[in-house]
Amino acid sequence: MSTLITNPQKDKILSKEWLISYSSLIIGTFVLALGYAFFMTPYKITPGGIYGISIVLHHKFNFPVGLAALCFNLPLTLIGLKLLGPRFGVKTFVGFILTAFFTDGLIYVFGSDPLNLHDEVLLASIFGGVMMGVGVGLIFKARASSGGSDVLASILSKYTKVPLGQQLMIVDSCIVIIGFLSFQDWKIPLYSWLTIFIMGKVIDMVLHGFSDDKIIFIISKKSEELRKTIIYDLQRGGTIFQAKGMYTEDEKNVLFTVMNRRDIPDLQKHIFNVDPDAFISISDAHEILGKGFKSLKDKIE
């Protein structure tokens, strides 16, 4: 499972940005290969994508996993270049070539089942999903791709008009089902979908980081008092929106602020003291960039 990365900006060769980008790409492909070689391949888990098919071919015909993936990725990417235009940079080719090389190299050096987990396939699916998510996340940070079913999904999406996200789900699910039909084990697709789910969550964590921050919306008739409370008592900033009630059509102020989850109980206590009837909505903030938080410059670098 992977996502197409468009990279309109080219880093100057041997510049700091270039070195960081390619270091992230190399480490990411190696970690991803560890996931395939140590956790997926030995236990016949097919986590969607080209490597899902490659793992099936490996167990059925003893074909090298990385080489099989390379045989699929190279023509698919070239076809994608012809049909979709220049959406794939040099890093994408480097990404799927390194992933294939590392995967087969690790299997050759450490053997077909280096961890000897035996029947602990659940552990393999969990830790494999985590490791692969870290690897793909680092590859995405390098603004690259490891290739995969995303190319096929993009081609199908262009001609079927089905949204890309849905096409990716369809393609990956079909590959998981191919694994089930090939190995005749109903547990295989369950482990595979678990791996895909964990992998997606870890990719988000790698790309956006861990955050304890919360987004808070407050609607109150005493918005001015709450504004002062947030600024002076809690020492936080925020924004005020003008809104209108859907039912009464009364003009209202909506206070928007962001703060750490540790500060939420204090905020709720202050709001209760000022206006017990206030409406509050609190949601997770996956990533916050800007003044008072992590700068956009630090994020890009």
Foldseek 3Di string as FASTA:
>chain_A
DKAQFADPDDDDPPDPLNVLLVVLLLVLLLLLLCLLQAQCLLVLAQQFWQLLVLSLCCVVPVDQSLVSSVVVQPVLVVVLCVPVNPRADPSQVVNQNSNSVNNSVCCVVQHRHNPPPPPVNLVSLQVSLLSNLSSNLSNVLSSHINGICLSVLVVCCVVVVDDSVVSSVVRRLVSQVVSCVSVVDPCNSVSNVSSNVSSVVNSLCSLQNDAQKKKKKKWDPPVVQLQCCCCPVVVFHWDWDWDADPVPRHITIITITMDGPVCVVVSVVVCCVVPVPMDMDMDDDSHDEDPPHNHPVVSSD
